[in-house]
C-alpha atoms as a PDB file:
ATOM      1  CA  MET A   1     -62.254  23.369  81.942  1.00  0.00           C
ATOM      2  CA  LYS A   2     -64.278  20.780  81.262  1.00  0.00           C
ATOM      3  CA  LYS A   3     -64.529  22.638  77.688  1.00  0.00           C
ATOM      4  CA  LEU A   4     -60.688  23.166  77.993  1.00  0.00           C
ATOM      5  CA  PHE A   5     -60.019  19.528  78.732  1.00  0.00           C
ATOM      6  CA  SER A   6     -62.158  18.704  75.776  1.00  0.00           C
ATOM      7  CA  LEU A   7     -60.194  20.416  73.393  1.00  0.00           C
ATOM      8  CA  PHE A   8     -57.574  18.544  74.492  1.00  0.00           C
ATOM      9  CA  ILE A   9     -58.978  15.307  74.028  1.00  0.00           C
ATOM     10  CA  ILE A  10     -60.276  16.315  70.113  1.00  0.00           C
ATOM     11  CA  LEU A  11     -56.524  17.540  69.502  1.00  0.00           C
ATOM     12  CA  ILE A  12     -55.029  14.199  70.271  1.00  0.00           C
ATOM     13  CA  SER A  13     -57.904  12.305  68.509  1.00  0.00           C
ATOM     14  CA  ILE A  14     -57.123  14.308  65.363  1.00  0.00           C
ATOM     15  CA  THR A  15     -53.236  13.783  65.694  1.00  0.00           C
ATOM     16  CA  GLN A  16     -53.829   9.935  66.075  1.00  0.00           C
ATOM     17  CA  LEU A  17     -56.156   9.107  63.436  1.00  0.00           C
ATOM     18  CA  SER A  18     -53.589  11.417  61.153  1.00  0.00           C
ATOM     19  CA  ALA A  19     -50.924   9.287  62.132  1.00  0.00           C
ATOM     20  CA  GLN A  20     -52.801   6.180  61.310  1.00  0.00           C
ATOM     21  CA  HIS A  21     -52.734   7.289  57.699  1.00  0.00           C
ATOM     22  CA  SER A  22     -49.380   8.965  57.438  1.00  0.00           C
ATOM     23  CA  GLY A  23     -46.201   8.446  58.941  1.00  0.00           C
ATOM     24  CA  ASP A  24     -45.508  12.465  58.963  1.00  0.00           C
ATOM     25  CA  PHE A  25     -47.499  13.260  61.804  1.00  0.00           C
ATOM     26  CA  ARG A  26     -46.217  13.049  65.629  1.00  0.00           C
ATOM     27  CA  PHE A  27     -47.493  14.733  68.648  1.00  0.00           C
ATOM     28  CA  SER A  28     -45.699  15.585  72.422  1.00  0.00           C
ATOM     29  CA  PHE A  29     -46.335  16.508  75.906  1.00  0.00           C
ATOM     30  CA  VAL A  30     -44.916  19.449  76.545  1.00  0.00           C
ATOM     31  CA  LEU A  31     -44.828  20.919  80.557  1.00  0.00           C
ATOM     32  CA  THR A  32     -42.231  24.069  80.542  1.00  0.00           C
ATOM     33  CA  PRO A  33     -41.833  25.971  83.339  1.00  0.00           C
ATOM     34  CA  GLN A  34     -40.665  29.958  82.610  1.00  0.00           C
ATOM     35  CA  ILE A  35     -40.126  33.722  83.485  1.00  0.00           C
ATOM     36  CA  SER A  36     -42.295  35.848  82.439  1.00  0.00           C
ATOM     37  CA  TRP A  37     -42.333  40.169  82.522  1.00  0.00           C
ATOM     38  CA  MET A  38     -44.272  42.707  80.635  1.00  0.00           C
ATOM     39  CA  LYS A  39     -42.922  46.338  79.192  1.00  0.00           C
ATOM     40  CA  SER A  40     -44.447  48.632  79.293  1.00  0.00           C
ATOM     41  CA  ASP A  41     -43.915  52.146  77.009  1.00  0.00           C
ATOM     42  CA  HIS A  42     -45.126  54.874  78.431  1.00  0.00           C
ATOM     43  CA  GLN A  43     -42.573  56.785  80.832  1.00  0.00           C
ATOM     44  CA  ASN A  44     -44.904  56.266  83.764  1.00  0.00           C
ATOM     45  CA  VAL A  45     -45.483  52.411  83.749  1.00  0.00           C
ATOM     46  CA  ASP A  46     -42.321  50.531  84.610  1.00  0.00           C
ATOM     47  CA  ASP A  47     -41.597  47.254  85.208  1.00  0.00           C
ATOM     48  CA  LYS A  48     -41.505  45.618  89.013  1.00  0.00           C
ATOM     49  CA  GLY A  49     -41.331  42.086  89.398  1.00  0.00           C
ATOM     50  CA  SER A  50     -41.180  38.525  86.990  1.00  0.00           C
ATOM     51  CA  ARG A  51     -43.399  35.973  87.443  1.00  0.00           C
ATOM     52  CA  ALA A  52     -42.556  32.446  87.503  1.00  0.00           C
ATOM     53  CA  GLY A  53     -45.087  30.119  85.568  1.00  0.00           C
ATOM     54  CA  TYR A  54     -45.633  27.338  83.449  1.00  0.00           C
ATOM     55  CA  ASN A  55     -46.889  25.793  80.298  1.00  0.00           C
ATOM     56  CA  PHE A  56     -48.157  22.598  79.739  1.00  0.00           C
ATOM     57  CA  GLY A  57     -50.277  21.148  76.874  1.00  0.00           C
ATOM     58  CA  VAL A  58     -50.217  19.077  73.327  1.00  0.00           C
ATOM     59  CA  LEU A  59     -47.887  19.730  70.445  1.00  0.00           C
ATOM     60  CA  MET A  60     -48.352  18.082  66.843  1.00  0.00           C
ATOM     61  CA  ASP A  61     -45.674  18.395  63.952  1.00  0.00           C
ATOM     62  CA  ARG A  62     -46.697  17.913  60.174  1.00  0.00           C
ATOM     63  CA  PHE A  63     -43.348  16.555  58.315  1.00  0.00           C
ATOM     64  CA  PHE A  64     -43.733  18.233  54.834  1.00  0.00           C
ATOM     65  CA  GLY A  65     -39.813  16.724  54.602  1.00  0.00           C
ATOM     66  CA  HIS A  66     -37.128  14.707  56.424  1.00  0.00           C
ATOM     67  CA  ASN A  67     -36.337  17.255  58.725  1.00  0.00           C
ATOM     68  CA  TYR A  68     -38.753  19.990  58.030  1.00  0.00           C
ATOM     69  CA  ALA A  69     -42.431  20.295  59.936  1.00  0.00           C
ATOM     70  CA  PHE A  70     -45.352  22.993  60.321  1.00  0.00           C
ATOM     71  CA  ALA A  71     -45.492  22.654  63.956  1.00  0.00           C
ATOM     72  CA  THR A  72     -48.857  23.324  66.125  1.00  0.00           C
ATOM     73  CA  GLY A  73     -50.572  22.418  69.403  1.00  0.00           C
ATOM     74  CA  LEU A  74     -53.030  23.185  72.560  1.00  0.00           C
ATOM     75  CA  THR A  75     -51.668  24.529  75.810  1.00  0.00           C
ATOM     76  CA  ILE A  76     -52.613  26.636  78.920  1.00  0.00           C
ATOM     77  CA  ASN A  77     -50.028  29.220  79.752  1.00  0.00           C
ATOM     78  CA  THR A  78     -49.633  30.798  83.018  1.00  0.00           C
ATOM     79  CA  THR A  79     -47.733  33.849  83.072  1.00  0.00           C
ATOM     80  CA  GLY A  80     -47.910  37.337  84.000  1.00  0.00           C
ATOM     81  CA  GLY A  81     -45.897  40.343  85.684  1.00  0.00           C
ATOM     82  CA  LYS A  82     -45.351  43.213  87.270  1.00  0.00           C
ATOM     83  CA  LEU A  83     -45.689  46.638  86.677  1.00  0.00           C
ATOM     84  CA  SER A  84     -45.639  49.798  88.629  1.00  0.00           C
ATOM     85  CA  TYR A  85     -48.268  53.227  87.349  1.00  0.00           C
ATOM     86  CA  ASP A  86     -47.181  56.927  88.051  1.00  0.00           C
ATOM     87  CA  THR A  87     -50.345  59.055  87.815  1.00  0.00           C
ATOM     88  CA  GLY A  88     -48.321  62.217  89.179  1.00  0.00           C
ATOM     89  CA  GLU A  89     -49.999  62.487  92.128  1.00  0.00           C
ATOM     90  CA  GLU A  90     -49.153  58.664  93.374  1.00  0.00           C
ATOM     91  CA  VAL A  91     -47.641  55.156  92.360  1.00  0.00           C
ATOM     92  CA  PHE A  92     -49.010  52.210  92.704  1.00  0.00           C
ATOM     93  CA  SER A  93     -48.030  48.975  91.347  1.00  0.00           C
ATOM     94  CA  GLN A  94     -50.469  46.046  89.713  1.00  0.00           C
ATOM     95  CA  ARG A  95     -49.824  42.781  90.061  1.00  0.00           C
ATOM     96  CA  TYR A  96     -50.415  40.064  86.771  1.00  0.00           C
ATOM     97  CA  ASN A  97     -51.614  37.061  87.209  1.00  0.00           C
ATOM     98  CA  LEU A  98     -52.612  35.730  84.145  1.00  0.00           C
ATOM     99  CA  LYS A  99     -53.371  32.217  82.087  1.00  0.00           C
ATOM    100  CA  TYR A 100     -54.025  32.016  78.544  1.00  0.00           C
ATOM    101  CA  LEU A 101     -54.723  29.187  75.736  1.00  0.00           C
ATOM    102  CA  GLU A 102     -52.484  29.414  73.416  1.00  0.00           C
ATOM    103  CA  VAL A 103     -52.267  27.850  70.159  1.00  0.00           C
ATOM    104  CA  PRO A 104     -48.100  28.287  68.227  1.00  0.00           C
ATOM    105  CA  LEU A 105     -47.779  28.268  64.802  1.00  0.00           C
ATOM    106  CA  GLY A 106     -44.522  27.524  63.158  1.00  0.00           C
ATOM    107  CA  LEU A 107     -41.860  25.570  61.787  1.00  0.00           C
ATOM    108  CA  ARG A 108     -39.798  23.397  63.448  1.00  0.00           C
ATOM    109  CA  LEU A 109     -36.188  22.030  61.906  1.00  0.00           C
ATOM    110  CA  ARG A 110     -33.940  19.566  62.604  1.00  0.00           C
ATOM    111  CA  SER A 111     -30.382  17.506  62.371  1.00  0.00           C
ATOM    112  CA  GLU A 112     -29.746  14.535  61.549  1.00  0.00           C
ATOM    113  CA  ASP A 113     -29.834  12.100  64.394  1.00  0.00           C
ATOM    114  CA  ILE A 114     -25.845  11.646  65.858  1.00  0.00           C
ATOM    115  CA  ARG A 115     -26.032   8.487  68.273  1.00  0.00           C
ATOM    116  CA  ARG A 116     -29.532   8.626  69.080  1.00  0.00           C
ATOM    117  CA  THR A 117     -29.587  12.779  69.542  1.00  0.00           C
ATOM    118  CA  ASN A 118     -30.372  15.231  67.046  1.00  0.00           C
ATOM    119  CA  ILE A 119     -30.934  19.198  67.222  1.00  0.00           C
ATOM    120  CA  TYR A 120     -34.211  21.085  66.818  1.00  0.00           C
ATOM    121  CA  GLY A 121     -34.776  24.893  66.233  1.00  0.00           C
ATOM    122  CA  ARG A 122     -38.253  26.025  65.882  1.00  0.00           C
ATOM    123  CA  PHE A 123     -39.565  29.872  65.338  1.00  0.00           C
ATOM    124  CA  GLY A 124     -43.233  30.692  64.369  1.00  0.00           C
ATOM    125  CA  LEU A 125     -45.964  33.150  66.180  1.00  0.00           C
ATOM    126  CA  SER A 126     -47.998  32.673  69.180  1.00  0.00           C
ATOM    127  CA  PRO A 127     -51.442  33.686  69.067  1.00  0.00           C
ATOM    128  CA  GLN A 128     -53.409  33.085  72.864  1.00  0.00           C
ATOM    129  CA  ILE A 129     -56.534  34.078  74.707  1.00  0.00           C
ATOM    130  CA  ASN A 130     -57.129  35.028  77.971  1.00  0.00           C
ATOM    131  CA  ILE A 131     -59.196  33.012  80.336  1.00  0.00           C
ATOM    132  CA  GLN A 132     -57.924  34.469  83.548  1.00  0.00           C
ATOM    133  CA  ALA A 133     -56.561  37.120  85.291  1.00  0.00           C
ATOM    134  CA  GLN A 134     -56.350  38.148  88.215  1.00  0.00           C
ATOM    135  CA  ASP A 135     -54.415  40.386  90.860  1.00  0.00           C
ATOM    136  CA  GLY A 136     -51.884  39.648  93.207  1.00  0.00           C
ATOM    137  CA  ASN A 137     -55.006  39.152  95.992  1.00  0.00           C
ATOM    138  CA  GLY A 138     -56.688  36.723  93.293  1.00  0.00           C
ATOM    139  CA  ASN A 139     -59.028  39.129  92.417  1.00  0.00           C
ATOM    140  CA  SER A 140     -60.467  39.864  89.039  1.00  0.00           C
ATOM    141  CA  ILE A 141     -58.876  42.142  86.856  1.00  0.00           C
ATOM    142  CA  SER A 142     -60.404  40.819  83.649  1.00  0.00           C
ATOM    143  CA  SER A 143     -61.569  44.188  82.346  1.00  0.00           C
ATOM    144  CA  GLU A 144     -57.815  45.650  82.424  1.00  0.00           C
ATOM    145  CA  VAL A 145     -56.678  43.012  80.177  1.00  0.00           C
ATOM    146  CA  ARG A 146     -57.438  42.545  76.548  1.00  0.00           C
ATOM    147  CA  PHE A 147     -59.085  39.428  75.188  1.00  0.00           C
ATOM    148  CA  PHE A 148     -56.241  38.410  72.703  1.00  0.00           C
ATOM    149  CA  ASP A 149     -52.676  38.284  72.644  1.00  0.00           C
ATOM    150  CA  LEU A 150     -50.093  37.584  69.711  1.00  0.00           C
ATOM    151  CA  GLY A 151     -46.425  37.380  69.736  1.00  0.00           C
ATOM    152  CA  TYR A 152     -43.394  35.108  68.092  1.00  0.00           C
ATOM    153  CA  HIS A 153     -41.204  32.727  69.845  1.00  0.00           C
ATOM    154  CA  LEU A 154     -38.059  31.546  68.897  1.00  0.00           C
ATOM    155  CA  GLY A 155     -35.282  28.564  70.220  1.00  0.00           C
ATOM    156  CA  GLY A 156     -34.350  25.321  70.300  1.00  0.00           C
ATOM    157  CA  GLY A 157     -32.945  22.368  71.606  1.00  0.00           C
ATOM    158  CA  ILE A 158     -32.406  18.635  71.333  1.00  0.00           C
ATOM    159  CA  GLU A 159     -34.010  15.108  71.222  1.00  0.00           C
ATOM    160  CA  TYR A 160     -33.123  12.205  72.125  1.00  0.00           C
ATOM    161  CA  SER A 161     -34.126   9.081  71.101  1.00  0.00           C
ATOM    162  CA  VAL A 162     -35.424   6.441  73.686  1.00  0.00           C
ATOM    163  CA  GLY A 163     -36.790   3.892  71.478  1.00  0.00           C
ATOM    164  CA  GLY A 164     -38.751   3.413  68.156  1.00  0.00           C
ATOM    165  CA  ARG A 165     -40.888   7.016  67.203  1.00  0.00           C
ATOM    166  CA  ASN A 166     -40.261   7.991  71.668  1.00  0.00           C
ATOM    167  CA  ALA A 167     -38.012  10.582  72.074  1.00  0.00           C
ATOM    168  CA  LEU A 168     -37.366  12.767  75.305  1.00  0.00           C
ATOM    169  CA  MET A 169     -36.621  16.963  74.141  1.00  0.00           C
ATOM    170  CA  ILE A 170     -35.165  19.585  76.279  1.00  0.00           C
ATOM    171  CA  GLY A 171     -35.173  23.145  74.684  1.00  0.00           C
ATOM    172  CA  LEU A 172     -35.146  27.098  75.424  1.00  0.00           C
ATOM    173  CA  LEU A 173     -37.375  29.478  73.659  1.00  0.00           C
ATOM    174  CA  PHE A 174     -37.619  33.068  73.916  1.00  0.00           C
ATOM    175  CA  ASN A 175     -41.489  34.649  73.203  1.00  0.00           C
ATOM    176  CA  ASN A 176     -42.023  38.073  72.637  1.00  0.00           C
ATOM    177  CA  GLY A 177     -44.900  39.924  72.899  1.00  0.00           C
ATOM    178  CA  PHE A 178     -46.535  41.672  69.584  1.00  0.00           C
ATOM    179  CA  THR A 179     -49.357  43.858  71.128  1.00  0.00           C
ATOM    180  CA  ASP A 180     -51.003  45.062  73.796  1.00  0.00           C
ATOM    181  CA  ILE A 181     -52.178  43.038  76.674  1.00  0.00           C
ATOM    182  CA  THR A 182     -53.444  45.833  79.045  1.00  0.00           C
ATOM    183  CA  ASN A 183     -56.596  48.470  79.391  1.00  0.00           C
ATOM    184  CA  LYS A 184     -55.824  50.380  82.441  1.00  0.00           C
ATOM    185  CA  SER A 185     -58.022  53.090  82.587  1.00  0.00           C
ATOM    186  CA  GLY A 186     -56.071  56.254  82.832  1.00  0.00           C
ATOM    187  CA  PHE A 187     -53.009  55.325  80.818  1.00  0.00           C
ATOM    188  CA  ASN A 188     -52.952  55.357  76.875  1.00  0.00           C
ATOM    189  CA  ASP A 189     -49.735  52.972  76.970  1.00  0.00           C
ATOM    190  CA  LYS A 190     -48.820  49.289  75.158  1.00  0.00           C
ATOM    191  CA  SER A 191     -47.578  46.712  77.653  1.00  0.00           C
ATOM    192  CA  ILE A 192     -46.328  43.284  76.255  1.00  0.00           C
ATOM    193  CA  LEU A 193     -45.820  40.371  77.368  1.00  0.00           C
ATOM    194  CA  ASN A 194     -42.308  38.240  77.389  1.00  0.00           C
ATOM    195  CA  ARG A 195     -41.493  35.273  78.413  1.00  0.00           C
ATOM    196  CA  PHE A 196     -38.074  32.656  78.575  1.00  0.00           C
ATOM    197  CA  VAL A 197     -38.998  28.978  78.591  1.00  0.00           C
ATOM    198  CA  PHE A 198     -37.526  26.336  79.897  1.00  0.00           C
ATOM    199  CA  GLU A 199     -38.834  23.278  77.303  1.00  0.00           C
ATOM    200  CA  PHE A 200     -39.610  19.252  78.727  1.00  0.00           C
ATOM    201  CA  GLY A 201     -41.466  17.365  76.479  1.00  0.00           C
ATOM    202  CA  PHE A 202     -42.140  13.238  74.951  1.00  0.00           C
ATOM    203  CA  ILE A 203     -42.595  13.314  71.810  1.00  0.00           C
ATOM    204  CA  PHE A 204     -44.592   9.927  71.043  1.00  0.00           C
END
């Protein structure tokens, strides 16, 4: 956790330094409840449940136009799901309680302000690295989960100005996985991670 905290401090420091030299940078703190589930392409592997989780951290926007920005950040993503595996002799379930360090890369588009409110949309890639993997009993299953995951995100919401550069942000995002996140022995399948994210943030 000390390393993760240090990364957050570095990101915030870089953002504040940049903001002193350009008005085109801004950052926000986000806390995002989410519903996650896993989906496999193998006929003997089925989705057996979702997981409620959360994502929190710092996002940074670098504007290259009045209403367009490159968006990135650093967040900790608590996610997962439940899959059942049919070996032909038995059927068993596996819960995946996963934690990732996520660095979203994308674009943010926003409308002009109308009565202190604007509408935004954002889309891009969601690369993340696994920092914890446990089953439903709290046992480590790191050997069954791949280190890297990649997907895309798409969504939007509203920003409400509370004065100056500060604003409240509320939105909804969908994250869809590209890559296989599991490494289950005996099953040559591709299991992806999907998420519906309810985005709440404060823009500085």
